[in-house]
Amino acid sequence: MLGKYKAENLSNAQGHPTGGHAEGVGIKIKWQNGPLGRGKDRKEPNGAFVETVIDIARQRLEFYQESEFRCEANAVAIMHLKAALDVLDRRTKEREAREVEGTHQK
């Protein structure tokens, strides 16, 4: 059952994704607002990253799998969440190799 939630995604004047938030019963997310920068200009995060939220869901399903509620559906969902994390990690590594990670450069 998908719970109801409200989400607002924000962009800057150039149309680049910046911050935003999402809220629902039992959850409140404030998204990272702006790029972190690179090198000596690197900033501390000021909000959540999609990867962290995905990993929280993966961890919770793995917790269920250690209980009497272990099931194939949870295992498949965990596999897909791990796949999503792998794809996003590859994207980050590719951006880092091009030295654009932490910026709004494509």
N, C-alpha and C. Protein backbone atom coordinates (compact mmCIF):
# COMPACT_ATOMS: atom_id res chain seq x y z
N MET A 1 0.84 -1.17 0.00
CA MET A 1 0.00 0.00 0.00
C MET A 1 0.89 1.24 0.00
N LEU A 2 0.72 2.07 -0.97
CA LEU A 2 1.49 3.30 -1.06
C LEU A 2 0.81 4.37 -0.23
N GLY A 3 1.55 4.90 0.76
CA GLY A 3 1.00 5.95 1.60
C GLY A 3 0.95 7.27 0.86
N LYS A 4 0.04 8.11 1.27
CA LYS A 4 -0.05 9.44 0.67
C LYS A 4 1.10 10.30 1.17
N TYR A 5 1.59 11.15 0.29
CA TYR A 5 2.65 12.07 0.67
C TYR A 5 2.55 13.32 -0.19
N LYS A 6 3.18 14.37 0.29
CA LYS A 6 3.27 15.61 -0.46
C LYS A 6 4.73 15.84 -0.76
N ALA A 7 5.03 16.29 -1.98
CA ALA A 7 6.41 16.55 -2.36
C ALA A 7 6.49 17.86 -3.12
N GLU A 8 7.56 18.58 -2.86
CA GLU A 8 7.86 19.80 -3.60
C GLU A 8 9.32 19.71 -4.03
N ASN A 9 9.56 19.77 -5.33
CA ASN A 9 10.90 19.73 -5.88
C ASN A 9 11.23 21.11 -6.43
N LEU A 10 12.36 21.64 -6.03
CA LEU A 10 12.73 23.01 -6.39
C LEU A 10 13.86 23.04 -7.41
N SER A 11 13.87 24.09 -8.23
CA SER A 11 14.92 24.32 -9.22
C SER A 11 15.40 25.75 -9.09
N ASN A 12 16.63 25.99 -9.54
CA ASN A 12 17.15 27.36 -9.52
C ASN A 12 16.75 28.08 -10.81
N ALA A 13 17.22 29.30 -11.00
CA ALA A 13 16.85 30.12 -12.17
C ALA A 13 17.28 29.47 -13.48
N GLN A 14 18.30 28.63 -13.44
CA GLN A 14 18.78 27.95 -14.65
C GLN A 14 18.03 26.63 -14.91
N GLY A 15 17.10 26.30 -14.03
CA GLY A 15 16.34 25.06 -14.17
C GLY A 15 17.02 23.84 -13.58
N HIS A 16 18.14 24.05 -12.87
CA HIS A 16 18.83 22.93 -12.24
C HIS A 16 18.11 22.52 -10.97
N PRO A 17 17.97 21.21 -10.74
CA PRO A 17 17.36 20.76 -9.49
C PRO A 17 18.15 21.29 -8.29
N THR A 18 17.46 21.80 -7.31
CA THR A 18 18.12 22.24 -6.08
C THR A 18 17.53 21.43 -4.93
N GLY A 19 16.84 22.03 -4.04
CA GLY A 19 16.30 21.32 -2.88
C GLY A 19 14.86 20.93 -3.06
N GLY A 20 14.20 20.84 -1.96
CA GLY A 20 12.80 20.45 -1.93
C GLY A 20 12.56 19.61 -0.70
N HIS A 21 11.37 19.07 -0.62
CA HIS A 21 11.04 18.25 0.53
C HIS A 21 9.91 17.30 0.18
N ALA A 22 9.77 16.28 0.99
CA ALA A 22 8.66 15.33 0.88
C ALA A 22 8.24 14.97 2.29
N GLU A 23 6.94 14.85 2.49
CA GLU A 23 6.41 14.52 3.81
C GLU A 23 5.22 13.58 3.67
N GLY A 24 5.15 12.64 4.56
CA GLY A 24 4.02 11.74 4.66
C GLY A 24 3.98 11.20 6.08
N VAL A 25 3.03 10.34 6.37
CA VAL A 25 2.94 9.77 7.71
C VAL A 25 4.24 9.04 8.03
N GLY A 26 4.90 9.48 9.09
CA GLY A 26 6.11 8.82 9.54
C GLY A 26 7.38 9.17 8.79
N ILE A 27 7.32 10.11 7.86
CA ILE A 27 8.51 10.44 7.08
C ILE A 27 8.54 11.92 6.74
N LYS A 28 9.72 12.49 6.82
CA LYS A 28 9.92 13.87 6.42
C LYS A 28 11.33 13.96 5.84
N ILE A 29 11.41 14.31 4.57
CA ILE A 29 12.70 14.38 3.88
C ILE A 29 12.94 15.80 3.41
N LYS A 30 14.10 16.31 3.73
CA LYS A 30 14.57 17.59 3.18
C LYS A 30 15.71 17.21 2.23
N TRP A 31 15.52 17.46 0.93
CA TRP A 31 16.51 17.07 -0.08
C TRP A 31 17.71 18.01 -0.08
N GLN A 32 18.84 17.49 -0.50
CA GLN A 32 20.04 18.29 -0.67
C GLN A 32 19.71 19.51 -1.54
N ASN A 33 20.13 20.68 -1.08
CA ASN A 33 19.87 21.91 -1.81
C ASN A 33 21.17 22.42 -2.42
N GLY A 34 21.32 22.19 -3.72
CA GLY A 34 22.49 22.68 -4.44
C GLY A 34 23.63 21.68 -4.46
N PRO A 35 24.56 21.89 -5.38
CA PRO A 35 25.71 20.99 -5.49
C PRO A 35 26.66 21.19 -4.32
N LEU A 36 27.45 20.17 -4.04
CA LEU A 36 28.39 20.22 -2.93
C LEU A 36 29.70 20.93 -3.29
N GLY A 37 29.98 21.05 -4.58
CA GLY A 37 31.23 21.67 -4.99
C GLY A 37 32.35 20.65 -5.05
N ARG A 38 33.54 21.13 -5.37
CA ARG A 38 34.69 20.25 -5.54
C ARG A 38 35.90 20.81 -4.81
N GLY A 39 36.82 19.91 -4.48
CA GLY A 39 38.10 20.31 -3.90
C GLY A 39 37.94 21.13 -2.63
N LYS A 40 38.72 22.22 -2.55
CA LYS A 40 38.70 23.06 -1.35
C LYS A 40 37.38 23.79 -1.18
N ASP A 41 36.57 23.86 -2.24
CA ASP A 41 35.27 24.52 -2.18
C ASP A 41 34.14 23.56 -1.79
N ARG A 42 34.47 22.30 -1.51
CA ARG A 42 33.46 21.29 -1.18
C ARG A 42 32.75 21.67 0.11
N LYS A 43 31.41 21.56 0.08
CA LYS A 43 30.57 21.90 1.24
C LYS A 43 30.05 20.62 1.89
N GLU A 44 29.61 20.76 3.11
CA GLU A 44 28.92 19.66 3.80
C GLU A 44 27.50 19.55 3.24
N PRO A 45 26.94 18.35 3.16
CA PRO A 45 25.55 18.21 2.72
C PRO A 45 24.61 18.98 3.64
N ASN A 46 23.52 19.48 3.06
CA ASN A 46 22.50 20.18 3.85
C ASN A 46 21.15 19.49 3.77
N GLY A 47 21.12 18.32 3.13
CA GLY A 47 19.88 17.58 2.99
C GLY A 47 20.16 16.15 2.56
N ALA A 48 19.09 15.41 2.37
CA ALA A 48 19.18 13.99 2.02
C ALA A 48 19.48 13.80 0.54
N PHE A 49 20.11 12.68 0.24
CA PHE A 49 20.35 12.25 -1.14
C PHE A 49 19.43 11.08 -1.45
N VAL A 50 19.03 10.95 -2.71
CA VAL A 50 18.16 9.86 -3.14
C VAL A 50 18.77 8.51 -2.75
N GLU A 51 20.08 8.37 -2.92
CA GLU A 51 20.75 7.11 -2.61
C GLU A 51 20.55 6.71 -1.15
N THR A 52 20.58 7.68 -0.26
CA THR A 52 20.40 7.38 1.17
C THR A 52 18.99 6.88 1.44
N VAL A 53 18.01 7.51 0.83
CA VAL A 53 16.62 7.11 1.04
C VAL A 53 16.39 5.70 0.48
N ILE A 54 16.95 5.41 -0.69
CA ILE A 54 16.84 4.06 -1.25
C ILE A 54 17.48 3.05 -0.31
N ASP A 55 18.65 3.38 0.23
CA ASP A 55 19.34 2.44 1.10
C ASP A 55 18.60 2.22 2.41
N ILE A 56 17.92 3.23 2.91
CA ILE A 56 17.10 3.07 4.11
C ILE A 56 15.98 2.06 3.85
N ALA A 57 15.34 2.16 2.68
CA ALA A 57 14.28 1.20 2.33
C ALA A 57 14.86 -0.21 2.19
N ARG A 58 16.04 -0.33 1.57
CA ARG A 58 16.70 -1.64 1.44
C ARG A 58 16.98 -2.25 2.81
N GLN A 59 17.51 -1.43 3.72
CA GLN A 59 17.83 -1.90 5.06
C GLN A 59 16.58 -2.41 5.78
N ARG A 60 15.49 -1.69 5.63
CA ARG A 60 14.25 -2.08 6.31
C ARG A 60 13.74 -3.41 5.78
N LEU A 61 13.77 -3.59 4.46
CA LEU A 61 13.33 -4.87 3.89
C LEU A 61 14.24 -6.01 4.32
N GLU A 62 15.54 -5.75 4.42
CA GLU A 62 16.45 -6.80 4.90
C GLU A 62 16.14 -7.15 6.36
N PHE A 63 15.72 -6.17 7.13
CA PHE A 63 15.28 -6.43 8.51
C PHE A 63 14.08 -7.38 8.50
N TYR A 64 13.10 -7.12 7.62
CA TYR A 64 11.94 -8.02 7.50
C TYR A 64 12.39 -9.43 7.12
N GLN A 65 13.40 -9.51 6.27
CA GLN A 65 13.86 -10.82 5.80
C GLN A 65 14.49 -11.63 6.93
N GLU A 66 14.86 -10.98 8.02
CA GLU A 66 15.43 -11.69 9.18
C GLU A 66 14.34 -12.11 10.16
N SER A 67 13.09 -11.94 9.76
CA SER A 67 11.96 -12.24 10.65
C SER A 67 11.06 -13.30 10.02
N GLU A 68 9.96 -13.55 10.68
CA GLU A 68 8.97 -14.50 10.15
C GLU A 68 8.29 -13.98 8.87
N PHE A 69 8.54 -12.71 8.51
CA PHE A 69 7.91 -12.12 7.34
C PHE A 69 8.80 -12.20 6.10
N ARG A 70 9.84 -13.04 6.17
CA ARG A 70 10.71 -13.28 5.02
C ARG A 70 9.84 -13.77 3.86
N CYS A 71 10.07 -13.21 2.66
CA CYS A 71 9.32 -13.68 1.50
C CYS A 71 10.05 -13.32 0.21
N GLU A 72 9.61 -13.94 -0.87
CA GLU A 72 10.23 -13.72 -2.18
C GLU A 72 10.04 -12.29 -2.65
N ALA A 73 8.88 -11.70 -2.38
CA ALA A 73 8.63 -10.32 -2.82
C ALA A 73 9.65 -9.36 -2.19
N ASN A 74 9.94 -9.54 -0.90
CA ASN A 74 10.95 -8.70 -0.26
C ASN A 74 12.32 -8.91 -0.92
N ALA A 75 12.66 -10.16 -1.18
CA ALA A 75 13.95 -10.46 -1.81
C ALA A 75 14.07 -9.79 -3.17
N VAL A 76 13.02 -9.83 -3.95
CA VAL A 76 13.04 -9.19 -5.28
C VAL A 76 13.15 -7.68 -5.13
N ALA A 77 12.40 -7.11 -4.21
CA ALA A 77 12.47 -5.66 -3.98
C ALA A 77 13.88 -5.26 -3.55
N ILE A 78 14.50 -6.03 -2.67
CA ILE A 78 15.88 -5.75 -2.23
C ILE A 78 16.82 -5.79 -3.43
N MET A 79 16.66 -6.78 -4.29
CA MET A 79 17.50 -6.89 -5.48
C MET A 79 17.38 -5.64 -6.35
N HIS A 80 16.16 -5.15 -6.54
CA HIS A 80 15.96 -3.97 -7.37
C HIS A 80 16.50 -2.70 -6.71
N LEU A 81 16.34 -2.59 -5.40
CA LEU A 81 16.90 -1.44 -4.70
C LEU A 81 18.42 -1.44 -4.79
N LYS A 82 19.04 -2.61 -4.64
CA LYS A 82 20.50 -2.71 -4.79
C LYS A 82 20.92 -2.35 -6.22
N ALA A 83 20.13 -2.78 -7.20
CA ALA A 83 20.44 -2.44 -8.59
C ALA A 83 20.36 -0.93 -8.80
N ALA A 84 19.36 -0.30 -8.21
CA ALA A 84 19.24 1.16 -8.32
C ALA A 84 20.45 1.84 -7.70
N LEU A 85 20.88 1.37 -6.54
CA LEU A 85 22.06 1.94 -5.89
C LEU A 85 23.31 1.74 -6.74
N ASP A 86 23.44 0.57 -7.36
CA ASP A 86 24.60 0.31 -8.23
C ASP A 86 24.63 1.26 -9.42
N VAL A 87 23.48 1.47 -10.05
CA VAL A 87 23.41 2.38 -11.20
C VAL A 87 23.77 3.80 -10.78
N LEU A 88 23.23 4.25 -9.67
CA LEU A 88 23.53 5.60 -9.20
C LEU A 88 24.99 5.74 -8.78
N ASP A 89 25.58 4.69 -8.22
CA ASP A 89 27.00 4.72 -7.87
C ASP A 89 27.86 4.80 -9.14
N ARG A 90 27.49 4.06 -10.18
CA ARG A 90 28.23 4.14 -11.45
C ARG A 90 28.14 5.54 -12.03
N ARG A 91 26.95 6.16 -11.94
CA ARG A 91 26.80 7.54 -12.42
C ARG A 91 27.74 8.46 -11.66
N THR A 92 27.78 8.33 -10.34
CA THR A 92 28.66 9.18 -9.53
C THR A 92 30.12 8.97 -9.91
N LYS A 93 30.54 7.73 -10.06
CA LYS A 93 31.94 7.44 -10.42
C LYS A 93 32.28 8.00 -11.79
N GLU A 94 31.35 7.90 -12.72
CA GLU A 94 31.57 8.44 -14.07
C GLU A 94 31.69 9.95 -14.01
N ARG A 95 30.84 10.61 -13.24
CA ARG A 95 30.91 12.06 -13.08
C ARG A 95 32.20 12.47 -12.38
N GLU A 96 32.62 11.69 -11.40
CA GLU A 96 33.87 11.99 -10.71
C GLU A 96 35.05 11.87 -11.68
N ALA A 97 35.04 10.85 -12.52
CA ALA A 97 36.11 10.66 -13.51
C ALA A 97 36.20 11.85 -14.47
N ARG A 98 35.05 12.46 -14.77
CA ARG A 98 35.03 13.64 -15.65
C ARG A 98 35.21 14.94 -14.88
N GLU A 99 35.36 14.81 -13.54
CA GLU A 99 35.57 15.96 -12.66
C GLU A 99 34.42 16.96 -12.69
N VAL A 100 33.20 16.43 -12.79
CA VAL A 100 32.01 17.28 -12.73
C VAL A 100 31.11 16.92 -11.55
N GLU A 101 31.47 15.86 -10.81
CA GLU A 101 30.69 15.49 -9.63
C GLU A 101 30.74 16.65 -8.64
N GLY A 102 29.61 16.96 -8.01
CA GLY A 102 29.54 18.06 -7.07
C GLY A 102 29.24 19.39 -7.72
N THR A 103 28.89 19.35 -9.03
CA THR A 103 28.57 20.58 -9.76
C THR A 103 27.27 20.36 -10.52
N HIS A 104 26.79 21.41 -11.16
CA HIS A 104 25.63 21.30 -12.05
C HIS A 104 26.05 21.09 -13.49
N GLN A 105 27.32 20.77 -13.73
CA GLN A 105 27.77 20.50 -15.10
C GLN A 105 27.26 19.13 -15.51
N LYS A 106 26.89 19.01 -16.80
CA LYS A 106 26.39 17.72 -17.31
C LYS A 106 27.51 16.73 -17.48
